[in-house]
PDB file of N, CA and C in Angstrom:
ATOM      1  N   UNK A   1     -47.426  55.112-155.411  1.00  0.00           N
ATOM      2  CA  UNK A   1     -47.551  56.494-155.836  1.00  0.00           C
ATOM      3  C   UNK A   1     -46.539  57.338-155.077  1.00  0.00           C
ATOM      4  N   UNK A   2     -45.894  58.254-155.761  1.00  0.00           N
ATOM      5  CA  UNK A   2     -44.887  59.115-155.152  1.00  0.00           C
ATOM      6  C   UNK A   2     -45.487  60.062-154.141  1.00  0.00           C
ATOM      7  N   UNK A   3     -44.652  60.488-153.204  1.00  0.00           N
ATOM      8  CA  UNK A   3     -45.068  61.434-152.185  1.00  0.00           C
ATOM      9  C   UNK A   3     -44.053  62.543-152.093  1.00  0.00           C
ATOM     10  N   UNK A   4     -44.525  63.725-151.743  1.00  0.00           N
ATOM     11  CA  UNK A   4     -43.636  64.872-151.565  1.00  0.00           C
ATOM     12  C   UNK A   4     -43.083  64.872-150.152  1.00  0.00           C
ATOM     13  N   UNK A   5     -41.818  65.237-150.051  1.00  0.00           N
ATOM     14  CA  UNK A   5     -41.149  65.342-148.756  1.00  0.00           C
ATOM     15  C   UNK A   5     -40.359  66.632-148.767  1.00  0.00           C
ATOM     16  N   UNK A   6     -40.427  67.404-147.683  1.00  0.00           N
ATOM     17  CA  UNK A   6     -39.650  68.635-147.594  1.00  0.00           C
ATOM     18  C   UNK A   6     -38.286  68.315-147.001  1.00  0.00           C
ATOM     19  N   UNK A   7     -37.243  68.762-147.684  1.00  0.00           N
ATOM     20  CA  UNK A   7     -35.871  68.585-147.217  1.00  0.00           C
ATOM     21  C   UNK A   7     -35.211  69.959-147.149  1.00  0.00           C
ATOM     22  N   UNK A   8     -34.288  70.117-146.235  1.00  0.00           N
ATOM     23  CA  UNK A   8     -33.572  71.380-146.081  1.00  0.00           C
ATOM     24  C   UNK A   8     -32.812  71.703-147.361  1.00  0.00           C
ATOM     25  N   UNK A   9     -32.632  72.999-147.617  1.00  0.00           N
ATOM     26  CA  UNK A   9     -31.928  73.442-148.822  1.00  0.00           C
ATOM     27  C   UNK A   9     -30.523  72.865-148.920  1.00  0.00           C
ATOM     28  N   UNK A  10     -29.812  72.803-147.791  1.00  0.00           N
ATOM     29  CA  UNK A  10     -28.448  72.280-147.844  1.00  0.00           C
ATOM     30  C   UNK A  10     -28.439  70.789-148.189  1.00  0.00           C
ATOM     31  N   UNK A  11     -29.449  70.060-147.751  1.00  0.00           N
ATOM     32  CA  UNK A  11     -29.552  68.638-148.091  1.00  0.00           C
ATOM     33  C   UNK A  11     -29.809  68.493-149.586  1.00  0.00           C
ATOM     34  N   UNK A  12     -30.731  69.289-150.111  1.00  0.00           N
ATOM     35  CA  UNK A  12     -31.040  69.218-151.541  1.00  0.00           C
ATOM     36  C   UNK A  12     -29.850  69.647-152.392  1.00  0.00           C
ATOM     37  N   UNK A  13     -29.077  70.628-151.916  1.00  0.00           N
ATOM     38  CA  UNK A  13     -27.867  71.021-152.640  1.00  0.00           C
ATOM     39  C   UNK A  13     -26.894  69.858-152.732  1.00  0.00           C
ATOM     40  N   UNK A  14     -26.728  69.131-151.622  1.00  0.00           N
ATOM     41  CA  UNK A  14     -25.830  67.969-151.611  1.00  0.00           C
ATOM     42  C   UNK A  14     -26.360  66.876-152.540  1.00  0.00           C
ATOM     43  N   UNK A  15     -27.665  66.658-152.519  1.00  0.00           N
ATOM     44  CA  UNK A  15     -28.268  65.644-153.392  1.00  0.00           C
ATOM     45  C   UNK A  15     -28.046  66.013-154.857  1.00  0.00           C
ATOM     46  N   UNK A  16     -28.276  67.274-155.196  1.00  0.00           N
ATOM     47  CA  UNK A  16     -28.093  67.706-156.589  1.00  0.00           C
ATOM     48  C   UNK A  16     -26.645  67.524-157.045  1.00  0.00           C
ATOM     49  N   UNK A  17     -25.707  67.960-156.200  1.00  0.00           N
ATOM     50  CA  UNK A  17     -24.286  67.832-156.568  1.00  0.00           C
ATOM     51  C   UNK A  17     -23.912  66.374-156.784  1.00  0.00           C
ATOM     52  N   UNK A  18     -24.275  65.531-155.839  1.00  0.00           N
ATOM     53  CA  UNK A  18     -23.904  64.110-155.939  1.00  0.00           C
ATOM     54  C   UNK A  18     -24.625  63.435-157.097  1.00  0.00           C
ATOM     55  N   UNK A  19     -25.883  63.786-157.332  1.00  0.00           N
ATOM     56  CA  UNK A  19     -26.622  63.156-158.435  1.00  0.00           C
ATOM     57  C   UNK A  19     -25.987  63.504-159.775  1.00  0.00           C
ATOM     58  N   UNK A  20     -25.499  64.730-159.919  1.00  0.00           N
ATOM     59  CA  UNK A  20     -24.813  65.115-161.155  1.00  0.00           C
ATOM     60  C   UNK A  20     -23.509  64.356-161.314  1.00  0.00           C
ATOM     61  N   UNK A  21     -22.742  64.243-160.227  1.00  0.00           N
ATOM     62  CA  UNK A  21     -21.457  63.536-160.306  1.00  0.00           C
ATOM     63  C   UNK A  21     -21.653  62.059-160.603  1.00  0.00           C
ATOM     64  N   UNK A  22     -22.737  61.482-160.096  1.00  0.00           N
ATOM     65  CA  UNK A  22     -22.969  60.048-160.264  1.00  0.00           C
ATOM     66  C   UNK A  22     -23.901  59.726-161.430  1.00  0.00           C
ATOM     67  N   UNK A  23     -24.314  60.751-162.186  1.00  0.00           N
ATOM     68  CA  UNK A  23     -25.233  60.577-163.326  1.00  0.00           C
ATOM     69  C   UNK A  23     -26.527  59.884-162.907  1.00  0.00           C
ATOM     70  N   UNK A  24     -27.070  60.340-161.783  1.00  0.00           N
ATOM     71  CA  UNK A  24     -28.345  59.821-161.307  1.00  0.00           C
ATOM     72  C   UNK A  24     -29.356  60.957-161.290  1.00  0.00           C
ATOM     73  N   UNK A  25     -30.629  60.601-161.321  1.00  0.00           N
ATOM     74  CA  UNK A  25     -31.666  61.605-161.107  1.00  0.00           C
ATOM     75  C   UNK A  25     -31.631  61.994-159.626  1.00  0.00           C
ATOM     76  N   UNK A  26     -32.266  63.088-159.290  1.00  0.00           N
ATOM     77  CA  UNK A  26     -32.326  63.504-157.882  1.00  0.00           C
ATOM     78  C   UNK A  26     -33.037  62.432-157.066  1.00  0.00           C
ATOM     79  N   UNK A  27     -34.164  61.942-157.568  1.00  0.00           N
ATOM     80  CA  UNK A  27     -34.887  60.880-156.853  1.00  0.00           C
ATOM     81  C   UNK A  27     -34.026  59.622-156.746  1.00  0.00           C
ATOM     82  N   UNK A  28     -33.310  59.295-157.833  1.00  0.00           N
ATOM     83  CA  UNK A  28     -32.439  58.123-157.814  1.00  0.00           C
ATOM     84  C   UNK A  28     -31.332  58.248-156.778  1.00  0.00           C
ATOM     85  N   UNK A  29     -30.780  59.465-156.627  1.00  0.00           N
ATOM     86  CA  UNK A  29     -29.731  59.682-155.632  1.00  0.00           C
ATOM     87  C   UNK A  29     -30.272  59.523-154.220  1.00  0.00           C
ATOM     88  N   UNK A  30     -31.458  60.062-153.976  1.00  0.00           N
ATOM     89  CA  UNK A  30     -32.062  59.939-152.647  1.00  0.00           C
ATOM     90  C   UNK A  30     -32.335  58.471-152.328  1.00  0.00           C
ATOM     91  N   UNK A  31     -32.882  57.731-153.289  1.00  0.00           N
ATOM     92  CA  UNK A  31     -33.144  56.301-153.076  1.00  0.00           C
ATOM     93  C   UNK A  31     -31.835  55.551-152.849  1.00  0.00           C
ATOM     94  N   UNK A  32     -30.806  55.901-153.622  1.00  0.00           N
ATOM     95  CA  UNK A  32     -29.493  55.262-153.463  1.00  0.00           C
ATOM     96  C   UNK A  32     -28.973  55.459-152.038  1.00  0.00           C
ATOM     97  N   UNK A  33     -28.987  56.704-151.570  1.00  0.00           N
ATOM     98  CA  UNK A  33     -28.520  56.972-150.210  1.00  0.00           C
ATOM     99  C   UNK A  33     -29.410  56.306-149.164  1.00  0.00           C
ATOM    100  N   UNK A  34     -30.711  56.237-149.418  1.00  0.00           N
ATOM    101  CA  UNK A  34     -31.612  55.558-148.495  1.00  0.00           C
ATOM    102  C   UNK A  34     -31.242  54.081-148.382  1.00  0.00           C
ATOM    103  N   UNK A  35     -30.969  53.449-149.521  1.00  0.00           N
ATOM    104  CA  UNK A  35     -30.599  52.026-149.504  1.00  0.00           C
ATOM    105  C   UNK A  35     -29.282  51.791-148.778  1.00  0.00           C
ATOM    106  N   UNK A  36     -28.325  52.684-148.976  1.00  0.00           N
ATOM    107  CA  UNK A  36     -27.044  52.549-148.267  1.00  0.00           C
ATOM    108  C   UNK A  36     -27.263  52.708-146.772  1.00  0.00           C
ATOM    109  N   UNK A  37     -28.010  53.722-146.392  1.00  0.00           N
ATOM    110  CA  UNK A  37     -28.283  53.947-144.969  1.00  0.00           C
ATOM    111  C   UNK A  37     -28.999  52.773-144.334  1.00  0.00           C
ATOM    112  N   UNK A  38     -29.960  52.214-145.041  1.00  0.00           N
ATOM    113  CA  UNK A  38     -30.689  51.059-144.521  1.00  0.00           C
ATOM    114  C   UNK A  38     -29.741  49.877-144.325  1.00  0.00           C
ATOM    115  N   UNK A  39     -28.877  49.642-145.309  1.00  0.00           N
ATOM    116  CA  UNK A  39     -27.933  48.528-145.204  1.00  0.00           C
ATOM    117  C   UNK A  39     -26.979  48.728-144.034  1.00  0.00           C
ATOM    118  N   UNK A  40     -26.514  49.945-143.854  1.00  0.00           N
ATOM    119  CA  UNK A  40     -25.592  50.228-142.753  1.00  0.00           C
ATOM    120  C   UNK A  40     -26.286  50.028-141.407  1.00  0.00           C
ATOM    121  N   UNK A  41     -27.494  50.524-141.280  1.00  0.00           N
ATOM    122  CA  UNK A  41     -28.221  50.381-140.019  1.00  0.00           C
ATOM    123  C   UNK A  41     -28.532  48.927-139.698  1.00  0.00           C
ATOM    124  N   UNK A  42     -28.765  48.126-140.703  1.00  0.00           N
ATOM    125  CA  UNK A  42     -29.127  46.723-140.485  1.00  0.00           C
ATOM    126  C   UNK A  42     -27.924  45.824-140.224  1.00  0.00           C
ATOM    127  N   UNK A  43     -26.751  46.258-140.561  1.00  0.00           N
ATOM    128  CA  UNK A  43     -25.589  45.396-140.421  1.00  0.00           C
ATOM    129  C   UNK A  43     -24.473  46.097-139.662  1.00  0.00           C
ATOM    130  N   UNK A  44     -24.174  45.645-138.459  1.00  0.00           N
ATOM    131  CA  UNK A  44     -23.092  46.279-137.703  1.00  0.00           C
ATOM    132  C   UNK A  44     -21.710  46.027-138.319  1.00  0.00           C
ATOM    133  N   UNK A  45     -21.614  45.055-139.225  1.00  0.00           N
ATOM    134  CA  UNK A  45     -20.319  44.770-139.849  1.00  0.00           C
ATOM    135  C   UNK A  45     -20.148  45.479-141.185  1.00  0.00           C
ATOM    136  N   UNK A  46     -21.149  46.257-141.595  1.00  0.00           N
ATOM    137  CA  UNK A  46     -21.100  46.922-142.893  1.00  0.00           C
ATOM    138  C   UNK A  46     -20.201  48.144-142.827  1.00  0.00           C
ATOM    139  N   UNK A  47     -19.319  48.284-143.826  1.00  0.00           N
ATOM    140  CA  UNK A  47     -18.398  49.421-143.889  1.00  0.00           C
ATOM    141  C   UNK A  47     -18.403  49.948-145.319  1.00  0.00           C
ATOM    142  N   UNK A  48     -19.077  51.083-145.536  1.00  0.00           N
ATOM    143  CA  UNK A  48     -19.202  51.607-146.888  1.00  0.00           C
ATOM    144  C   UNK A  48     -17.852  52.035-147.463  1.00  0.00           C
ATOM    145  N   UNK A  49     -16.921  52.415-146.620  1.00  0.00           N
ATOM    146  CA  UNK A  49     -15.590  52.782-147.117  1.00  0.00           C
ATOM    147  C   UNK A  49     -14.962  51.589-147.847  1.00  0.00           C
ATOM    148  N   UNK A  50     -15.191  50.383-147.360  1.00  0.00           N
ATOM    149  CA  UNK A  50     -14.669  49.189-148.021  1.00  0.00           C
ATOM    150  C   UNK A  50     -15.329  48.999-149.394  1.00  0.00           C
ATOM    151  N   UNK A  51     -16.629  49.311-149.482  1.00  0.00           N
ATOM    152  CA  UNK A  51     -17.335  49.210-150.764  1.00  0.00           C
ATOM    153  C   UNK A  51     -16.733  50.193-151.758  1.00  0.00           C
ATOM    154  N   UNK A  52     -16.494  51.429-151.317  1.00  0.00           N
ATOM    155  CA  UNK A  52     -15.893  52.444-152.197  1.00  0.00           C
ATOM    156  C   UNK A  52     -14.502  52.002-152.663  1.00  0.00           C
ATOM    157  N   UNK A  53     -13.742  51.387-151.774  1.00  0.00           N
ATOM    158  CA  UNK A  53     -12.414  50.899-152.162  1.00  0.00           C
ATOM    159  C   UNK A  53     -12.543  49.833-153.248  1.00  0.00           C
ATOM    160  N   UNK A  54     -13.522  48.953-153.106  1.00  0.00           N
ATOM    161  CA  UNK A  54     -13.729  47.911-154.115  1.00  0.00           C
ATOM    162  C   UNK A  54     -14.188  48.528-155.441  1.00  0.00           C
ATOM    163  N   UNK A  55     -15.027  49.554-155.376  1.00  0.00           N
ATOM    164  CA  UNK A  55     -15.476  50.219-156.596  1.00  0.00           C
ATOM    165  C   UNK A  55     -14.334  50.928-157.306  1.00  0.00           C
ATOM    166  N   UNK A  56     -13.351  51.401-156.548  1.00  0.00           N
ATOM    167  CA  UNK A  56     -12.205  52.079-157.156  1.00  0.00           C
ATOM    168  C   UNK A  56     -11.062  51.118-157.455  1.00  0.00           C
ATOM    169  N   UNK A  57     -11.291  49.822-157.259  1.00  0.00           N
ATOM    170  CA  UNK A  57     -10.327  48.757-157.552  1.00  0.00           C
ATOM    171  C   UNK A  57      -9.105  48.786-156.638  1.00  0.00           C
ATOM    172  N   UNK A  58      -9.229  49.408-155.466  1.00  0.00           N
ATOM    173  CA  UNK A  58      -8.111  49.359-154.518  1.00  0.00           C
ATOM    174  C   UNK A  58      -8.331  48.262-153.468  1.00  0.00           C
ATOM    175  N   UNK A  59      -9.405  47.523-153.605  1.00  0.00           N
ATOM    176  CA  UNK A  59      -9.708  46.383-152.736  1.00  0.00           C
ATOM    177  C   UNK A  59     -10.492  45.384-153.577  1.00  0.00           C
ATOM    178  N   UNK A  60     -10.266  44.115-153.330  1.00  0.00           N
ATOM    179  CA  UNK A  60     -11.000  43.083-154.048  1.00  0.00           C
ATOM    180  C   UNK A  60     -12.424  42.982-153.501  1.00  0.00           C
ATOM    181  N   UNK A  61     -13.424  42.887-154.376  1.00  0.00           N
ATOM    182  CA  UNK A  61     -14.791  42.678-153.891  1.00  0.00           C
ATOM    183  C   UNK A  61     -14.929  41.387-153.091  1.00  0.00           C
ATOM    184  N   UNK A  62     -14.024  40.438-153.335  1.00  0.00           N
ATOM    185  CA  UNK A  62     -14.064  39.174-152.588  1.00  0.00           C
ATOM    186  C   UNK A  62     -13.786  39.369-151.105  1.00  0.00           C
ATOM    187  N   UNK A  63     -13.151  40.485-150.747  1.00  0.00           N
ATOM    188  CA  UNK A  63     -12.839  40.731-149.335  1.00  0.00           C
ATOM    189  C   UNK A  63     -13.992  41.382-148.583  1.00  0.00           C
ATOM    190  N   UNK A  64     -15.092  41.686-149.284  1.00  0.00           N
ATOM    191  CA  UNK A  64     -16.236  42.341-148.662  1.00  0.00           C
ATOM    192  C   UNK A  64     -17.168  41.318-148.026  1.00  0.00           C
ATOM    193  N   UNK A  65     -17.916  41.783-147.024  1.00  0.00           N
ATOM    194  CA  UNK A  65     -18.943  40.931-146.426  1.00  0.00           C
ATOM    195  C   UNK A  65     -20.069  40.737-147.440  1.00  0.00           C
ATOM    196  N   UNK A  66     -20.981  39.836-147.158  1.00  0.00           N
ATOM    197  CA  UNK A  66     -22.102  39.594-148.064  1.00  0.00           C
ATOM    198  C   UNK A  66     -22.919  40.844-148.316  1.00  0.00           C
ATOM    199  N   UNK A  67     -23.215  41.599-147.250  1.00  0.00           N
ATOM    200  CA  UNK A  67     -23.993  42.838-147.400  1.00  0.00           C
ATOM    201  C   UNK A  67     -23.225  43.865-148.221  1.00  0.00           C
ATOM    202  N   UNK A  68     -21.927  43.973-147.973  1.00  0.00           N
ATOM    203  CA  UNK A  68     -21.098  44.913-148.719  1.00  0.00           C
ATOM    204  C   UNK A  68     -21.032  44.514-150.191  1.00  0.00           C
ATOM    205  N   UNK A  69     -20.963  43.214-150.461  1.00  0.00           N
ATOM    206  CA  UNK A  69     -20.914  42.749-151.850  1.00  0.00           C
ATOM    207  C   UNK A  69     -22.211  43.069-152.584  1.00  0.00           C
ATOM    208  N   UNK A  70     -23.343  43.007-151.893  1.00  0.00           N
ATOM    209  CA  UNK A  70     -24.621  43.346-152.524  1.00  0.00           C
ATOM    210  C   UNK A  70     -24.630  44.801-152.971  1.00  0.00           C
ATOM    211  N   UNK A  71     -24.182  45.700-152.098  1.00  0.00           N
ATOM    212  CA  UNK A  71     -24.136  47.119-152.446  1.00  0.00           C
ATOM    213  C   UNK A  71     -23.104  47.351-153.545  1.00  0.00           C
ATOM    214  N   UNK A  72     -21.949  46.702-153.421  1.00  0.00           N
ATOM    215  CA  UNK A  72     -20.906  46.839-154.448  1.00  0.00           C
ATOM    216  C   UNK A  72     -21.444  46.408-155.807  1.00  0.00           C
ATOM    217  N   UNK A  73     -22.111  45.254-155.865  1.00  0.00           N
ATOM    218  CA  UNK A  73     -22.620  44.730-157.143  1.00  0.00           C
ATOM    219  C   UNK A  73     -23.648  45.677-157.752  1.00  0.00           C
ATOM    220  N   UNK A  74     -24.530  46.219-156.931  1.00  0.00           N
ATOM    221  CA  UNK A  74     -25.551  47.140-157.439  1.00  0.00           C
ATOM    222  C   UNK A  74     -24.903  48.414-157.976  1.00  0.00           C
ATOM    223  N   UNK A  75     -23.951  48.957-157.246  1.00  0.00           N
ATOM    224  CA  UNK A  75     -23.290  50.184-157.699  1.00  0.00           C
ATOM    225  C   UNK A  75     -22.410  49.924-158.913  1.00  0.00           C
ATOM    226  N   UNK A  76     -21.730  48.796-158.928  1.00  0.00           N
ATOM    227  CA  UNK A  76     -20.889  48.450-160.073  1.00  0.00           C
ATOM    228  C   UNK A  76     -21.741  48.333-161.331  1.00  0.00           C
ATOM    229  N   UNK A  77     -22.863  47.622-161.229  1.00  0.00           N
ATOM    230  CA  UNK A  77     -23.757  47.461-162.380  1.00  0.00           C
ATOM    231  C   UNK A  77     -24.288  48.810-162.842  1.00  0.00           C
ATOM    232  N   UNK A  78     -24.630  49.665-161.913  1.00  0.00           N
ATOM    233  CA  UNK A  78     -25.137  50.993-162.270  1.00  0.00           C
ATOM    234  C   UNK A  78     -24.062  51.818-162.973  1.00  0.00           C
ATOM    235  N   UNK A  79     -22.845  51.762-162.468  1.00  0.00           N
ATOM    236  CA  UNK A  79     -21.751  52.511-163.094  1.00  0.00           C
ATOM    237  C   UNK A  79     -21.460  52.007-164.501  1.00  0.00           C
ATOM    238  N   UNK A  80     -21.624  50.724-164.730  1.00  0.00           N
ATOM    239  CA  UNK A  80     -21.322  50.154-166.043  1.00  0.00           C
ATOM    240  C   UNK A  80     -22.374  50.520-167.077  1.00  0.00           C
ATOM    241  N   UNK A  81     -23.577  50.890-166.647  1.00  0.00           N
ATOM    242  CA  UNK A  81     -24.638  51.219-167.597  1.00  0.00           C
ATOM    243  C   UNK A  81     -24.704  52.707-167.907  1.00  0.00           C
ATOM    244  N   UNK A  82     -24.004  53.527-167.145  1.00  0.00           N
ATOM    245  CA  UNK A  82     -24.031  54.976-167.359  1.00  0.00           C
ATOM    246  C   UNK A  82     -22.680  55.412-167.901  1.00  0.00           C
ATOM    247  N   UNK A  83     -22.638  55.880-169.155  1.00  0.00           N
ATOM    248  CA  UNK A  83     -21.340  56.295-169.697  1.00  0.00           C
ATOM    249  C   UNK A  83     -20.797  57.520-168.968  1.00  0.00           C
ATOM    250  N   UNK A  84     -19.511  57.516-168.734  1.00  0.00           N
ATOM    251  CA  UNK A  84     -18.853  58.656-168.087  1.00  0.00           C
ATOM    252  C   UNK A  84     -18.791  59.821-169.067  1.00  0.00           C
ATOM    253  N   UNK A  85     -18.563  61.013-168.546  1.00  0.00           N
ATOM    254  CA  UNK A  85     -18.500  62.217-169.385  1.00  0.00           C
ATOM    255  C   UNK A  85     -17.442  62.054-170.475  1.00  0.00           C
ATOM    256  N   UNK A  86     -16.298  61.475-170.130  1.00  0.00           N
ATOM    257  CA  UNK A  86     -15.240  61.265-171.114  1.00  0.00           C
ATOM    258  C   UNK A  86     -15.674  60.334-172.229  1.00  0.00           C
ATOM    259  N   UNK A  87     -16.433  59.308-171.893  1.00  0.00           N
ATOM    260  CA  UNK A  87     -16.934  58.386-172.916  1.00  0.00           C
ATOM    261  C   UNK A  87     -17.938  59.086-173.829  1.00  0.00           C
ATOM    262  N   UNK A  88     -18.816  59.887-173.233  1.00  0.00           N
ATOM    263  CA  UNK A  88     -19.799  60.617-174.046  1.00  0.00           C
ATOM    264  C   UNK A  88     -19.086  61.579-175.003  1.00  0.00           C
ATOM    265  N   UNK A  89     -18.086  62.275-174.501  1.00  0.00           N
ATOM    266  CA  UNK A  89     -17.332  63.221-175.339  1.00  0.00           C
ATOM    267  C   UNK A  89     -16.602  62.483-176.457  1.00  0.00           C
ATOM    268  N   UNK A  90     -15.994  61.345-176.136  1.00  0.00           N
ATOM    269  CA  UNK A  90     -15.278  60.545-177.135  1.00  0.00           C
ATOM    270  C   UNK A  90     -16.214  60.147-178.270  1.00  0.00           C
ATOM    271  N   UNK A  91     -17.392  59.619-177.916  1.00  0.00           N
ATOM    272  CA  UNK A  91     -18.332  59.168-178.942  1.00  0.00           C
ATOM    273  C   UNK A  91     -18.958  60.339-179.692  1.00  0.00           C
ATOM    274  N   UNK A  92     -19.169  61.453-179.031  1.00  0.00           N
ATOM    275  CA  UNK A  92     -19.694  62.642-179.725  1.00  0.00           C
ATOM    276  C   UNK A  92     -18.690  63.122-180.770  1.00  0.00           C
ATOM    277  N   UNK A  93     -17.407  63.112-180.421  1.00  0.00           N
ATOM    278  CA  UNK A  93     -16.379  63.539-181.378  1.00  0.00           C
ATOM    279  C   UNK A  93     -16.305  62.567-182.551  1.00  0.00           C
ATOM    280  N   UNK A  94     -16.387  61.278-182.287  1.00  0.00           N
ATOM    281  CA  UNK A  94     -16.374  60.291-183.371  1.00  0.00           C
ATOM    282  C   UNK A  94     -17.589  60.490-184.268  1.00  0.00           C
ATOM    283  N   UNK A  95     -18.732  60.751-183.670  1.00  0.00           N
ATOM    284  CA  UNK A  95     -19.946  61.010-184.445  1.00  0.00           C
ATOM    285  C   UNK A  95     -19.746  62.240-185.320  1.00  0.00           C
ATOM    286  N   UNK A  96     -19.194  63.305-184.744  1.00  0.00           N
ATOM    287  CA  UNK A  96     -18.957  64.544-185.487  1.00  0.00           C
ATOM    288  C   UNK A  96     -18.043  64.297-186.692  1.00  0.00           C
ATOM    289  N   UNK A  97     -17.064  63.412-186.533  1.00  0.00           N
ATOM    290  CA  UNK A  97     -16.108  63.117-187.599  1.00  0.00           C
ATOM    291  C   UNK A  97     -16.614  62.065-188.584  1.00  0.00           C
ATOM    292  N   UNK A  98     -17.782  61.471-188.314  1.00  0.00           N
ATOM    293  CA  UNK A  98     -18.319  60.444-189.200  1.00  0.00           C
ATOM    294  C   UNK A  98     -17.651  59.098-189.024  1.00  0.00           C
ATOM    295  N   UNK A  99     -17.054  58.878-187.878  1.00  0.00           N
ATOM    296  CA  UNK A  99     -16.389  57.593-187.596  1.00  0.00           C
ATOM    297  C   UNK A  99     -17.323  56.677-186.815  1.00  0.00           C
ATOM    298  N   UNK A 100     -16.892  55.438-186.626  1.00  0.00           N
ATOM    299  CA  UNK A 100     -17.680  54.478-185.874  1.00  0.00           C
ATOM    300  C   UNK A 100     -17.990  54.986-184.480  1.00  0.00           C
ATOM    301  N   UNK A 101     -19.222  54.775-184.065  1.00  0.00           N
ATOM    302  CA  UNK A 101     -19.630  55.254-182.743  1.00  0.00           C
ATOM    303  C   UNK A 101     -20.099  54.133-181.825  1.00  0.00           C
ATOM    304  N   UNK A 102     -20.047  52.896-182.280  1.00  0.00           N
ATOM    305  CA  UNK A 102     -20.476  51.787-181.440  1.00  0.00           C
ATOM    306  C   UNK A 102     -20.701  50.534-182.262  1.00  0.00           C
ATOM    307  N   UNK A 103     -21.266  49.529-181.598  1.00  0.00           N
ATOM    308  CA  UNK A 103     -21.573  48.262-182.253  1.00  0.00           C
ATOM    309  C   UNK A 103     -23.067  47.999-182.165  1.00  0.00           C
ATOM    310  N   UNK A 104     -23.630  47.388-183.227  1.00  0.00           N
ATOM    311  CA  UNK A 104     -25.030  46.996-183.151  1.00  0.00           C
ATOM    312  C   UNK A 104     -25.123  45.626-182.473  1.00  0.00           C
ATOM    313  N   UNK A 105     -26.326  45.076-182.418  1.00  0.00           N
ATOM    314  CA  UNK A 105     -26.537  43.797-181.734  1.00  0.00           C
ATOM    315  C   UNK A 105     -25.768  42.638-182.365  1.00  0.00           C
ATOM    316  N   UNK A 106     -25.412  42.778-183.645  1.00  0.00           N
ATOM    317  CA  UNK A 106     -24.652  41.735-184.338  1.00  0.00           C
ATOM    318  C   UNK A 106     -23.149  41.955-184.261  1.00  0.00           C
ATOM    319  N   UNK A 107     -22.714  43.045-183.601  1.00  0.00           N
ATOM    320  CA  UNK A 107     -21.291  43.335-183.482  1.00  0.00           C
ATOM    321  C   UNK A 107     -20.722  44.130-184.648  1.00  0.00           C
ATOM    322  N   UNK A 108     -21.599  44.656-185.504  1.00  0.00           N
ATOM    323  CA  UNK A 108     -21.168  45.455-186.645  1.00  0.00           C
ATOM    324  C   UNK A 108     -20.946  46.897-186.214  1.00  0.00           C
ATOM    325  N   UNK A 109     -19.841  47.504-186.684  1.00  0.00           N
ATOM    326  CA  UNK A 109     -19.529  48.876-186.358  1.00  0.00           C
ATOM    327  C   UNK A 109     -20.586  49.819-186.916  1.00  0.00           C
ATOM    328  N   UNK A 110     -21.106  50.684-186.070  1.00  0.00           N
ATOM    329  CA  UNK A 110     -22.099  51.677-186.476  1.00  0.00           C
ATOM    330  C   UNK A 110     -21.371  52.972-186.792  1.00  0.00           C
ATOM    331  N   UNK A 111     -21.675  53.549-187.951  1.00  0.00           N
ATOM    332  CA  UNK A 111     -21.085  54.835-188.322  1.00  0.00           C
ATOM    333  C   UNK A 111     -22.195  55.831-188.560  1.00  0.00           C
ATOM    334  N   UNK A 112     -21.872  57.094-188.458  1.00  0.00           N
ATOM    335  CA  UNK A 112     -22.823  58.174-188.701  1.00  0.00           C
ATOM    336  C   UNK A 112     -22.161  59.179-189.629  1.00  0.00           C
ATOM    337  N   UNK A 113     -22.969  59.873-190.369  1.00  0.00           N
ATOM    338  CA  UNK A 113     -22.416  60.934-191.212  1.00  0.00           C
ATOM    339  C   UNK A 113     -21.878  62.039-190.318  1.00  0.00           C
ATOM    340  N   UNK A 114     -20.801  62.664-190.761  1.00  0.00           N
ATOM    341  CA  UNK A 114     -20.229  63.783-190.018  1.00  0.00           C
ATOM    342  C   UNK A 114     -21.252  64.902-189.946  1.00  0.00           C
ATOM    343  N   UNK A 115     -21.345  65.540-188.806  1.00  0.00           N
ATOM    344  CA  UNK A 115     -22.239  66.680-188.659  1.00  0.00           C
ATOM    345  C   UNK A 115     -21.537  67.925-189.170  1.00  0.00           C
ATOM    346  N   UNK A 116     -22.279  68.805-189.845  1.00  0.00           N
ATOM    347  CA  UNK A 116     -21.642  70.013-190.379  1.00  0.00           C
ATOM    348  C   UNK A 116     -21.097  70.894-189.260  1.00  0.00           C
ATOM    349  N   UNK A 117     -19.958  71.515-189.535  1.00  0.00           N
ATOM    350  CA  UNK A 117     -19.392  72.442-188.548  1.00  0.00           C
ATOM    351  C   UNK A 117     -20.179  73.728-188.580  1.00  0.00           C
ATOM    352  N   UNK A 118     -20.297  74.343-187.407  1.00  0.00           N
ATOM    353  CA  UNK A 118     -21.010  75.598-187.433  1.00  0.00           C
ATOM    354  C   UNK A 118     -21.398  76.105-186.137  1.00  0.00           C
TER     355      UNK A 118
END
């Protein structure tokens, strides 16, 4: 069961900003940061900067420690399931124009009727 916790306004402002940028809920962002903090505290060899480099493709995930690879894999999987703003806009425009907006489970192009302008 969930519990309420009081956090300073500046902390909540940071959580809100980051959760919006990362397309996470506020609770999801707090849990995400909690998991990172726990991993860092438990491993003296853990370096989150290396994980960020791997997420941005400026470092190979193979060069990360086991703990770093676990965090990298979780964040990578999460990023792959949440469409970026540009992707959402692209598909919204295709939908508006009545063009294909994706594939169904069989790989068939899905189309939608153009939405009326207005």
